[in-house]
PDB file of all heavy atoms in Angstrom:
ATOM      1  N   GLY A   1      10.087 -68.996  22.173  1.00  0.00           N
ATOM      2  CA  GLY A   1      10.560 -67.719  21.670  1.00  0.00           C
ATOM      3  C   GLY A   1      10.292 -67.593  20.193  1.00  0.00           C
ATOM      4  O   GLY A   1       9.911 -68.555  19.527  1.00  0.00           O
ATOM      5  N   PRO A   2      10.514 -66.416  19.677  1.00  0.00           N
ATOM      6  CA  PRO A   2      10.221 -66.176  18.261  1.00  0.00           C
ATOM      7  C   PRO A   2      11.259 -66.792  17.325  1.00  0.00           C
ATOM      8  O   PRO A   2      12.428 -66.911  17.672  1.00  0.00           O
ATOM      9  CB  PRO A   2      10.240 -64.653  18.160  1.00  0.00           C
ATOM     10  CG  PRO A   2      11.160 -64.217  19.248  1.00  0.00           C
ATOM     11  CD  PRO A   2      10.976 -65.215  20.365  1.00  0.00           C
ATOM     12  N   ILE A   3      10.780 -67.177  16.156  1.00  0.00           N
ATOM     13  CA  ILE A   3      11.624 -67.641  15.060  1.00  0.00           C
ATOM     14  C   ILE A   3      11.236 -66.811  13.850  1.00  0.00           C
ATOM     15  O   ILE A   3      10.062 -66.679  13.529  1.00  0.00           O
ATOM     16  CB  ILE A   3      11.399 -69.132  14.750  1.00  0.00           C
ATOM     17  CG1 ILE A   3      11.775 -69.993  15.937  1.00  0.00           C
ATOM     18  CG2 ILE A   3      12.188 -69.542  13.519  1.00  0.00           C
ATOM     19  CD1 ILE A   3      11.448 -71.449  15.737  1.00  0.00           C
ATOM     20  N   SER A   4      12.226 -66.231  13.201  1.00  0.00           N
ATOM     21  CA  SER A   4      11.982 -65.429  12.008  1.00  0.00           C
ATOM     22  C   SER A   4      12.683 -66.098  10.838  1.00  0.00           C
ATOM     23  O   SER A   4      13.891 -66.338  10.904  1.00  0.00           O
ATOM     24  CB  SER A   4      12.516 -64.016  12.233  1.00  0.00           C
ATOM     25  OG  SER A   4      12.458 -63.280  11.047  1.00  0.00           O
ATOM     26  N   CYS A   5      11.944 -66.422   9.784  1.00  0.00           N
ATOM     27  CA  CYS A   5      12.516 -67.118   8.633  1.00  0.00           C
ATOM     28  C   CYS A   5      12.143 -66.420   7.335  1.00  0.00           C
ATOM     29  O   CYS A   5      11.098 -65.786   7.233  1.00  0.00           O
ATOM     30  CB  CYS A   5      12.010 -68.552   8.560  1.00  0.00           C
ATOM     31  SG  CYS A   5      12.488 -69.598   9.929  1.00  0.00           S
ATOM     32  N   LYS A   6      13.020 -66.587   6.347  1.00  0.00           N
ATOM     33  CA  LYS A   6      12.776 -66.065   5.014  1.00  0.00           C
ATOM     34  C   LYS A   6      13.251 -67.104   4.008  1.00  0.00           C
ATOM     35  O   LYS A   6      14.312 -67.696   4.180  1.00  0.00           O
ATOM     36  CB  LYS A   6      13.530 -64.752   4.816  1.00  0.00           C
ATOM     37  CG  LYS A   6      13.309 -64.122   3.470  1.00  0.00           C
ATOM     38  CD  LYS A   6      14.053 -62.816   3.331  1.00  0.00           C
ATOM     39  CE  LYS A   6      13.772 -62.205   1.973  1.00  0.00           C
ATOM     40  NZ  LYS A   6      14.397 -60.902   1.830  1.00  0.00           N
ATOM     41  N   MET A   7      12.450 -67.339   2.959  1.00  0.00           N
ATOM     42  CA  MET A   7      12.830 -68.252   1.885  1.00  0.00           C
ATOM     43  C   MET A   7      12.639 -67.559   0.559  1.00  0.00           C
ATOM     44  O   MET A   7      11.741 -66.738   0.406  1.00  0.00           O
ATOM     45  CB  MET A   7      11.954 -69.512   1.888  1.00  0.00           C
ATOM     46  CG  MET A   7      12.295 -70.514   2.939  1.00  0.00           C
ATOM     47  SD  MET A   7      11.306 -72.019   2.779  1.00  0.00           S
ATOM     48  CE  MET A   7      12.190 -72.868   1.484  1.00  0.00           C
ATOM     49  N   SER A   8      13.493 -67.903  -0.396  1.00  0.00           N
ATOM     50  CA  SER A   8      13.304 -67.415  -1.755  1.00  0.00           C
ATOM     51  C   SER A   8      13.499 -68.581  -2.716  1.00  0.00           C
ATOM     52  O   SER A   8      14.249 -69.514  -2.439  1.00  0.00           O
ATOM     53  CB  SER A   8      14.266 -66.266  -2.066  1.00  0.00           C
ATOM     54  OG  SER A   8      15.595 -66.689  -1.969  1.00  0.00           O
ATOM     55  N   PHE A   9      12.786 -68.512  -3.836  1.00  0.00           N
ATOM     56  CA  PHE A   9      12.805 -69.554  -4.851  1.00  0.00           C
ATOM     57  C   PHE A   9      13.188 -68.943  -6.189  1.00  0.00           C
ATOM     58  O   PHE A   9      12.822 -67.810  -6.486  1.00  0.00           O
ATOM     59  CB  PHE A   9      11.420 -70.207  -4.972  1.00  0.00           C
ATOM     60  CG  PHE A   9      11.013 -70.957  -3.749  1.00  0.00           C
ATOM     61  CD1 PHE A   9      10.334 -70.320  -2.726  1.00  0.00           C
ATOM     62  CD2 PHE A   9      11.303 -72.296  -3.624  1.00  0.00           C
ATOM     63  CE1 PHE A   9       9.946 -71.004  -1.594  1.00  0.00           C
ATOM     64  CE2 PHE A   9      10.923 -72.995  -2.497  1.00  0.00           C
ATOM     65  CZ  PHE A   9      10.248 -72.353  -1.478  1.00  0.00           C
ATOM     66  N   ARG A  10      13.941 -69.734  -6.980  1.00  0.00           N
ATOM     67  CA  ARG A  10      14.365 -69.266  -8.290  1.00  0.00           C
ATOM     68  C   ARG A  10      14.377 -70.451  -9.254  1.00  0.00           C
ATOM     69  O   ARG A  10      15.056 -71.448  -9.009  1.00  0.00           O
ATOM     70  CB  ARG A  10      15.760 -68.660  -8.187  1.00  0.00           C
ATOM     71  CG  ARG A  10      16.294 -68.072  -9.481  1.00  0.00           C
ATOM     72  CD  ARG A  10      17.654 -67.392  -9.280  1.00  0.00           C
ATOM     73  NE  ARG A  10      18.607 -68.145  -8.492  1.00  0.00           N
ATOM     74  CZ  ARG A  10      19.418 -69.097  -8.955  1.00  0.00           C
ATOM     75  NH1 ARG A  10      19.388 -69.422 -10.226  1.00  0.00           N
ATOM     76  NH2 ARG A  10      20.266 -69.718  -8.161  1.00  0.00           N
ATOM     77  N   PRO A  11      13.616 -70.379 -10.350  1.00  0.00           N
ATOM     78  CA  PRO A  11      13.645 -71.462 -11.334  1.00  0.00           C
ATOM     79  C   PRO A  11      15.031 -71.566 -11.971  1.00  0.00           C
ATOM     80  O   PRO A  11      15.684 -70.555 -12.219  1.00  0.00           O
ATOM     81  CB  PRO A  11      12.613 -71.054 -12.381  1.00  0.00           C
ATOM     82  CG  PRO A  11      11.887 -69.882 -11.838  1.00  0.00           C
ATOM     83  CD  PRO A  11      12.704 -69.304 -10.742  1.00  0.00           C
ATOM     84  N   ASN A  12      15.457 -72.803 -12.225  1.00  0.00           N
ATOM     85  CA  ASN A  12      16.754 -73.043 -12.850  1.00  0.00           C
ATOM     86  C   ASN A  12      16.620 -74.309 -13.703  1.00  0.00           C
ATOM     87  O   ASN A  12      16.820 -75.413 -13.209  1.00  0.00           O
ATOM     88  CB  ASN A  12      17.841 -73.195 -11.792  1.00  0.00           C
ATOM     89  CG  ASN A  12      19.219 -73.370 -12.409  1.00  0.00           C
ATOM     90  OD1 ASN A  12      19.410 -73.163 -13.607  1.00  0.00           O
ATOM     91  ND2 ASN A  12      20.173 -73.753 -11.590  1.00  0.00           N
ATOM     92  N   GLY A  13      16.260 -74.131 -14.965  1.00  0.00           N
ATOM     93  CA  GLY A  13      16.050 -75.291 -15.846  1.00  0.00           C
ATOM     94  C   GLY A  13      14.878 -76.125 -15.373  1.00  0.00           C
ATOM     95  O   GLY A  13      13.783 -75.616 -15.177  1.00  0.00           O
ATOM     96  N   ASN A  14      15.111 -77.412 -15.106  1.00  0.00           N
ATOM     97  CA  ASN A  14      14.036 -78.307 -14.681  1.00  0.00           C
ATOM     98  C   ASN A  14      13.895 -78.396 -13.160  1.00  0.00           C
ATOM     99  O   ASN A  14      13.204 -79.265 -12.654  1.00  0.00           O
ATOM    100  CB  ASN A  14      14.244 -79.708 -15.259  1.00  0.00           C
ATOM    101  CG  ASN A  14      15.447 -80.398 -14.649  1.00  0.00           C
ATOM    102  OD1 ASN A  14      16.347 -79.762 -14.108  1.00  0.00           O
ATOM    103  ND2 ASN A  14      15.467 -81.711 -14.746  1.00  0.00           N
ATOM    104  N   GLN A  15      14.556 -77.510 -12.442  1.00  0.00           N
ATOM    105  CA  GLN A  15      14.465 -77.545 -10.992  1.00  0.00           C
ATOM    106  C   GLN A  15      14.151 -76.169 -10.425  1.00  0.00           C
ATOM    107  O   GLN A  15      14.251 -75.162 -11.113  1.00  0.00           O
ATOM    108  CB  GLN A  15      15.760 -78.078 -10.380  1.00  0.00           C
ATOM    109  CG  GLN A  15      16.980 -77.204 -10.637  1.00  0.00           C
ATOM    110  CD  GLN A  15      18.256 -77.866 -10.164  1.00  0.00           C
ATOM    111  OE1 GLN A  15      18.359 -79.088 -10.113  1.00  0.00           O
ATOM    112  NE2 GLN A  15      19.239 -77.064  -9.815  1.00  0.00           N
ATOM    113  N   LEU A  16      13.768 -76.153  -9.160  1.00  0.00           N
ATOM    114  CA  LEU A  16      13.456 -74.926  -8.453  1.00  0.00           C
ATOM    115  C   LEU A  16      14.441 -74.798  -7.293  1.00  0.00           C
ATOM    116  O   LEU A  16      14.411 -75.606  -6.354  1.00  0.00           O
ATOM    117  CB  LEU A  16      12.011 -74.976  -7.935  1.00  0.00           C
ATOM    118  CG  LEU A  16      11.490 -73.750  -7.226  1.00  0.00           C
ATOM    119  CD1 LEU A  16      11.440 -72.556  -8.185  1.00  0.00           C
ATOM    120  CD2 LEU A  16      10.092 -74.027  -6.674  1.00  0.00           C
ATOM    121  N   ASN A  17      15.362 -73.840  -7.408  1.00  0.00           N
ATOM    122  CA  ASN A  17      16.345 -73.633  -6.343  1.00  0.00           C
ATOM    123  C   ASN A  17      15.716 -72.832  -5.212  1.00  0.00           C
ATOM    124  O   ASN A  17      14.913 -71.934  -5.454  1.00  0.00           O
ATOM    125  CB  ASN A  17      17.567 -72.886  -6.870  1.00  0.00           C
ATOM    126  CG  ASN A  17      18.359 -73.704  -7.858  1.00  0.00           C
ATOM    127  OD1 ASN A  17      18.223 -74.918  -7.939  1.00  0.00           O
ATOM    128  ND2 ASN A  17      19.189 -73.037  -8.634  1.00  0.00           N
ATOM    129  N   TYR A  18      16.093 -73.147  -3.983  1.00  0.00           N
ATOM    130  CA  TYR A  18      15.609 -72.381  -2.841  1.00  0.00           C
ATOM    131  C   TYR A  18      16.758 -72.059  -1.893  1.00  0.00           C
ATOM    132  O   TYR A  18      17.743 -72.792  -1.813  1.00  0.00           O
ATOM    133  CB  TYR A  18      14.495 -73.126  -2.086  1.00  0.00           C
ATOM    134  CG  TYR A  18      14.948 -74.396  -1.413  1.00  0.00           C
ATOM    135  CD1 TYR A  18      15.448 -74.388  -0.106  1.00  0.00           C
ATOM    136  CD2 TYR A  18      14.876 -75.616  -2.066  1.00  0.00           C
ATOM    137  CE1 TYR A  18      15.869 -75.557   0.514  1.00  0.00           C
ATOM    138  CE2 TYR A  18      15.290 -76.782  -1.456  1.00  0.00           C
ATOM    139  CZ  TYR A  18      15.779 -76.740  -0.166  1.00  0.00           C
ATOM    140  OH  TYR A  18      16.198 -77.894   0.437  1.00  0.00           O
ATOM    141  N   THR A  19      16.653 -70.930  -1.245  1.00  0.00           N
ATOM    142  CA  THR A  19      17.573 -70.540  -0.173  1.00  0.00           C
ATOM    143  C   THR A  19      16.715 -70.006   0.962  1.00  0.00           C
ATOM    144  O   THR A  19      15.666 -69.406   0.738  1.00  0.00           O
ATOM    145  CB  THR A  19      18.575 -69.454  -0.613  1.00  0.00           C
ATOM    146  OG1 THR A  19      17.849 -68.314  -1.078  1.00  0.00           O
ATOM    147  CG2 THR A  19      19.500 -69.942  -1.702  1.00  0.00           C
ATOM    148  N   GLY A  20      17.161 -70.256   2.159  1.00  0.00           N
ATOM    149  CA  GLY A  20      16.414 -69.794   3.314  1.00  0.00           C
ATOM    150  C   GLY A  20      17.328 -69.488   4.481  1.00  0.00           C
ATOM    151  O   GLY A  20      18.475 -69.923   4.523  1.00  0.00           O
ATOM    152  N   ARG A  21      16.796 -68.720   5.394  1.00  0.00           N
ATOM    153  CA  ARG A  21      17.541 -68.369   6.601  1.00  0.00           C
ATOM    154  C   ARG A  21      16.538 -68.164   7.719  1.00  0.00           C
ATOM    155  O   ARG A  21      15.530 -67.482   7.552  1.00  0.00           O
ATOM    156  CB  ARG A  21      18.355 -67.104   6.389  1.00  0.00           C
ATOM    157  CG  ARG A  21      19.200 -66.739   7.584  1.00  0.00           C
ATOM    158  CD  ARG A  21      20.423 -65.935   7.128  1.00  0.00           C
ATOM    159  NE  ARG A  21      21.337 -65.722   8.213  1.00  0.00           N
ATOM    160  CZ  ARG A  21      22.270 -66.583   8.596  1.00  0.00           C
ATOM    161  NH1 ARG A  21      22.409 -67.728   7.969  1.00  0.00           N
ATOM    162  NH2 ARG A  21      23.080 -66.302   9.585  1.00  0.00           N
ATOM    163  N   CYS A  22      16.813 -68.774   8.855  1.00  0.00           N
ATOM    164  CA  CYS A  22      15.987 -68.602  10.045  1.00  0.00           C
ATOM    165  C   CYS A  22      16.847 -68.035  11.168  1.00  0.00           C
ATOM    166  O   CYS A  22      17.985 -68.461  11.360  1.00  0.00           O
ATOM    167  CB  CYS A  22      15.388 -69.931  10.501  1.00  0.00           C
ATOM    168  SG  CYS A  22      14.159 -70.609   9.381  1.00  0.00           S
ATOM    169  N   ASN A  23      16.301 -67.070  11.868  1.00  0.00           N
ATOM    170  CA  ASN A  23      16.944 -66.517  13.047  1.00  0.00           C
ATOM    171  C   ASN A  23      16.176 -66.995  14.265  1.00  0.00           C
ATOM    172  O   ASN A  23      14.981 -66.744  14.395  1.00  0.00           O
ATOM    173  CB  ASN A  23      16.975 -64.989  12.995  1.00  0.00           C
ATOM    174  CG  ASN A  23      17.919 -64.504  11.924  1.00  0.00           C
ATOM    175  OD1 ASN A  23      19.065 -64.909  11.875  1.00  0.00           O
ATOM    176  ND2 ASN A  23      17.423 -63.662  11.039  1.00  0.00           N
ATOM    177  N   VAL A  24      16.878 -67.713  15.119  1.00  0.00           N
ATOM    178  CA  VAL A  24      16.283 -68.296  16.307  1.00  0.00           C
ATOM    179  C   VAL A  24      16.850 -67.581  17.532  1.00  0.00           C
ATOM    180  O   VAL A  24      18.068 -67.426  17.643  1.00  0.00           O
ATOM    181  CB  VAL A  24      16.582 -69.810  16.383  1.00  0.00           C
ATOM    182  CG1 VAL A  24      15.939 -70.435  17.599  1.00  0.00           C
ATOM    183  CG2 VAL A  24      16.143 -70.503  15.105  1.00  0.00           C
ATOM    184  N   GLN A  25      15.955 -67.180  18.406  1.00  0.00           N
ATOM    185  CA  GLN A  25      16.374 -66.480  19.619  1.00  0.00           C
ATOM    186  C   GLN A  25      17.429 -67.309  20.350  1.00  0.00           C
ATOM    187  O   GLN A  25      17.278 -68.511  20.529  1.00  0.00           O
ATOM    188  CB  GLN A  25      15.158 -66.262  20.513  1.00  0.00           C
ATOM    189  CG  GLN A  25      15.443 -65.456  21.743  1.00  0.00           C
ATOM    190  CD  GLN A  25      14.153 -65.181  22.515  1.00  0.00           C
ATOM    191  OE1 GLN A  25      13.091 -65.040  21.939  1.00  0.00           O
ATOM    192  NE2 GLN A  25      14.270 -65.118  23.816  1.00  0.00           N
TER     193      GLN A  25
END
């Protein structure tokens, strides 16, 4: 079945923060 995912990245000092969400049937 389909999987729909989204990720976003945001620089924060010396690191790269990420958040994501996947919707699984």
